């Protein structure tokens, strides 16, 4: 029995704290019903549509101050499927997602649109092939930043640690990664 208790204590203490502390920020504004990263798009889910993508190489300034490259959704690329609902009383216009696996931020995705209170959104986002393998059975989608139609922007106060290698893999011809923003 002592060994079992000691093992449980070790697991609890070894669990990454940063990923755990980001969940309350997300659950205050969003209900995430599904967070499902896939290494390829062969599996499709009914009702899921591609999230916002401007039709050109897509870099955006993320909450860390880096230019993050988000690949398009294609039939041969990895994807992140997120089913979410705005549970605030204000219209959201942007949600920046972080994919956390094994307690580490492994990818980001940005969605732009009109996300009304109570509306269920089922979107699919392109992911870099470098995200896989995840080496975990418990991926989580957390909100990194949320913008509202009234101009309010709320940044997650407990962002998981950014990993520099996430910013260095744009496809050929997509242009150079943006440098950190002030």
Protein backbone atom coordinates (compact mmCIF):
# COMPACT_ATOMS: atom_id res chain seq x y z
CA UNK A 1 0.00 0.00 0.00
CA UNK A 2 2.85 2.42 0.83
CA UNK A 3 4.41 1.83 -2.57
CA UNK A 4 1.09 2.58 -4.27
CA UNK A 5 0.63 5.83 -2.32
CA UNK A 6 4.25 6.84 -3.00
CA UNK A 7 3.77 6.15 -6.71
CA UNK A 8 0.60 8.27 -6.81
CA UNK A 9 2.35 11.12 -5.03
CA UNK A 10 5.28 10.94 -7.46
CA UNK A 11 2.93 11.06 -10.48
CA UNK A 12 1.02 14.02 -9.02
CA UNK A 13 4.21 15.95 -8.30
CA UNK A 14 5.77 15.13 -11.67
CA UNK A 15 2.72 16.30 -13.64
CA UNK A 16 3.38 19.49 -15.59
CA UNK A 17 1.87 22.44 -13.79
CA UNK A 18 1.80 24.94 -16.65
CA UNK A 19 -0.71 22.97 -18.75
CA UNK A 20 -2.92 22.42 -15.73
CA UNK A 21 -3.14 26.12 -14.89
CA UNK A 22 -4.27 27.13 -18.39
CA UNK A 23 -7.53 25.18 -18.26
CA UNK A 24 -9.50 27.59 -15.98
CA UNK A 25 -8.95 30.46 -18.45
CA UNK A 26 -10.41 28.34 -21.24
CA UNK A 27 -13.39 27.04 -19.26
CA UNK A 28 -14.43 30.55 -18.20
CA UNK A 29 -15.11 31.49 -21.83
CA UNK A 30 -15.37 28.33 -23.89
CA UNK A 31 -16.79 24.86 -23.63
CA UNK A 32 -14.50 22.52 -25.57
CA UNK A 33 -16.46 19.39 -26.49
CA UNK A 34 -13.74 17.87 -28.68
CA UNK A 35 -10.02 18.39 -29.18
CA UNK A 36 -8.75 15.85 -31.68
CA UNK A 37 -5.41 16.15 -33.48
CA UNK A 38 -4.97 13.77 -36.43
CA UNK A 39 -1.76 12.92 -38.25
CA UNK A 40 -3.68 12.81 -41.54
CA UNK A 41 -7.09 13.88 -42.78
CA UNK A 42 -8.21 10.47 -44.00
CA UNK A 43 -10.60 10.48 -41.04
CA UNK A 44 -13.24 13.19 -41.41
CA UNK A 45 -15.90 14.13 -38.93
CA UNK A 46 -19.44 15.11 -39.93
CA UNK A 47 -20.20 18.75 -39.29
CA UNK A 48 -16.57 19.93 -39.10
CA UNK A 49 -15.52 22.65 -41.56
CA UNK A 50 -12.12 24.21 -42.14
CA UNK A 51 -11.41 27.14 -39.81
CA UNK A 52 -10.35 30.55 -41.09
CA UNK A 53 -7.53 30.54 -43.63
CA UNK A 54 -6.87 33.57 -45.86
CA UNK A 55 -5.79 31.63 -48.98
CA UNK A 56 -2.11 32.59 -48.82
CA UNK A 57 0.73 31.55 -46.50
CA UNK A 58 -0.71 32.41 -43.12
CA UNK A 59 1.51 33.92 -40.45
CA UNK A 60 -0.02 35.67 -37.47
CA UNK A 61 1.42 37.26 -34.36
CA UNK A 62 0.72 34.87 -31.51
CA UNK A 63 0.35 35.68 -27.78
CA UNK A 64 4.05 34.96 -27.29
CA UNK A 65 5.11 37.69 -29.72
CA UNK A 66 6.22 35.32 -32.49
CA UNK A 67 4.97 34.93 -36.04
CA UNK A 68 3.32 31.55 -36.10
CA UNK A 69 2.79 29.74 -39.41
CA UNK A 70 -0.51 27.88 -39.68
CA UNK A 71 -0.68 25.39 -42.56
CA UNK A 72 -3.86 25.13 -44.63
CA UNK A 73 -6.26 22.21 -44.25
CA UNK A 74 -5.54 19.77 -47.08
CA UNK A 75 -6.42 16.14 -47.72
CA UNK A 76 -2.85 15.02 -46.97
CA UNK A 77 -1.97 17.22 -43.98
CA UNK A 78 -2.31 16.79 -40.23
CA UNK A 79 -5.27 18.56 -38.65
CA UNK A 80 -6.67 19.66 -35.33
CA UNK A 81 -10.43 19.26 -34.92
CA UNK A 82 -11.96 21.48 -32.24
CA UNK A 83 -15.64 21.51 -31.26
CA UNK A 84 -16.26 24.54 -29.06
CA UNK A 85 -19.01 26.82 -27.77
CA UNK A 86 -18.75 30.44 -26.66
CA UNK A 87 -20.16 30.42 -23.11
CA UNK A 88 -19.78 34.17 -22.50
CA UNK A 89 -22.49 36.75 -23.15
CA UNK A 90 -20.35 38.57 -25.77
CA UNK A 91 -19.62 37.81 -29.43
CA UNK A 92 -16.09 36.51 -30.03
CA UNK A 93 -14.23 37.34 -33.24
CA UNK A 94 -10.93 35.50 -32.73
CA UNK A 95 -9.87 32.45 -30.74
CA UNK A 96 -6.22 31.46 -30.68
CA UNK A 97 -5.85 27.82 -29.65
CA UNK A 98 -2.93 25.99 -28.15
CA UNK A 99 -2.60 22.22 -28.51
CA UNK A 100 -1.09 20.84 -25.32
CA UNK A 101 0.21 17.27 -25.24
CA UNK A 102 2.17 15.73 -22.40
CA UNK A 103 1.96 19.07 -20.63
CA UNK A 104 3.75 20.91 -23.47
CA UNK A 105 2.49 23.35 -26.07
CA UNK A 106 3.06 21.57 -29.39
CA UNK A 107 1.01 23.64 -31.85
CA UNK A 108 -1.19 26.69 -32.26
CA UNK A 109 -4.20 27.46 -34.43
CA UNK A 110 -6.10 30.69 -34.99
CA UNK A 111 -9.77 31.02 -35.86
CA UNK A 112 -11.42 34.24 -37.00
CA UNK A 113 -15.14 34.74 -37.46
CA UNK A 114 -18.31 35.56 -35.57
CA UNK A 115 -18.69 33.22 -32.62
CA UNK A 116 -21.97 34.14 -30.95
CA UNK A 117 -22.84 33.21 -27.38
CA UNK A 118 -24.18 29.66 -27.24
CA UNK A 119 -23.22 28.84 -30.84
CA UNK A 120 -21.43 25.51 -31.34
CA UNK A 121 -18.45 25.76 -33.70
CA UNK A 122 -16.85 22.66 -35.25
CA UNK A 123 -13.66 23.65 -37.05
CA UNK A 124 -10.63 21.88 -38.43
CA UNK A 125 -7.21 23.60 -38.56
CA UNK A 126 -4.04 22.66 -40.40
CA UNK A 127 -1.09 21.45 -38.32
CA UNK A 128 2.59 21.04 -39.07
CA UNK A 129 3.64 17.41 -39.59
CA UNK A 130 6.32 18.11 -36.96
CA UNK A 131 3.62 17.96 -34.26
CA UNK A 132 3.44 14.17 -34.52
CA UNK A 133 3.95 11.80 -32.84
CA UNK A 134 2.28 13.36 -29.79
CA UNK A 135 3.44 10.59 -27.42
CA UNK A 136 0.34 11.03 -25.26
CA UNK A 137 -3.26 9.94 -25.16
CA UNK A 138 -4.46 13.17 -23.54
CA UNK A 139 -4.17 16.13 -25.93
CA UNK A 140 -5.97 19.27 -24.79
CA UNK A 141 -7.01 22.43 -26.58
CA UNK A 142 -6.64 25.58 -24.53
CA UNK A 143 -7.44 29.18 -25.38
CA UNK A 144 -4.30 31.30 -25.61
CA UNK A 145 -6.09 34.51 -26.55
CA UNK A 146 -9.68 35.60 -27.22
CA UNK A 147 -10.85 38.77 -29.00
CA UNK A 148 -14.40 40.05 -28.71
CA UNK A 149 -16.50 42.10 -31.15
CA UNK A 150 -16.48 45.05 -28.70
CA UNK A 151 -12.68 45.32 -29.14
CA UNK A 152 -11.73 43.62 -25.88
CA UNK A 153 -8.78 41.23 -26.08
CA UNK A 154 -8.11 38.77 -23.27
CA UNK A 155 -4.80 36.88 -23.13
CA UNK A 156 -4.45 33.73 -21.07
CA UNK A 157 -2.49 34.80 -17.97
CA UNK A 158 -0.96 31.32 -17.59
CA UNK A 159 0.38 30.51 -21.04
CA UNK A 160 2.26 27.23 -21.31
CA UNK A 161 5.92 27.62 -22.21
CA UNK A 162 6.48 28.27 -25.92
CA UNK A 163 8.90 25.95 -27.68
CA UNK A 164 11.13 27.71 -30.23
CA UNK A 165 11.13 24.82 -32.72
CA UNK A 166 7.39 25.43 -33.34
CA UNK A 167 8.31 28.64 -35.16
CA UNK A 168 11.01 27.37 -37.52
CA UNK A 169 9.24 25.09 -39.99
CA UNK A 170 7.35 26.98 -42.72
CA UNK A 171 6.94 25.14 -46.03
CA UNK A 172 9.19 25.98 -48.96
CA UNK A 173 8.11 29.20 -50.64
CA UNK A 174 6.06 30.44 -47.67
CA UNK A 175 8.60 33.09 -46.73
CA UNK A 176 10.70 33.50 -43.62
CA UNK A 177 9.27 33.20 -40.12
CA UNK A 178 8.51 36.52 -38.45
CA UNK A 179 10.82 37.55 -35.65
CA UNK A 180 9.49 38.13 -32.14
CA UNK A 181 7.31 41.20 -31.84
CA UNK A 182 8.01 43.79 -29.12
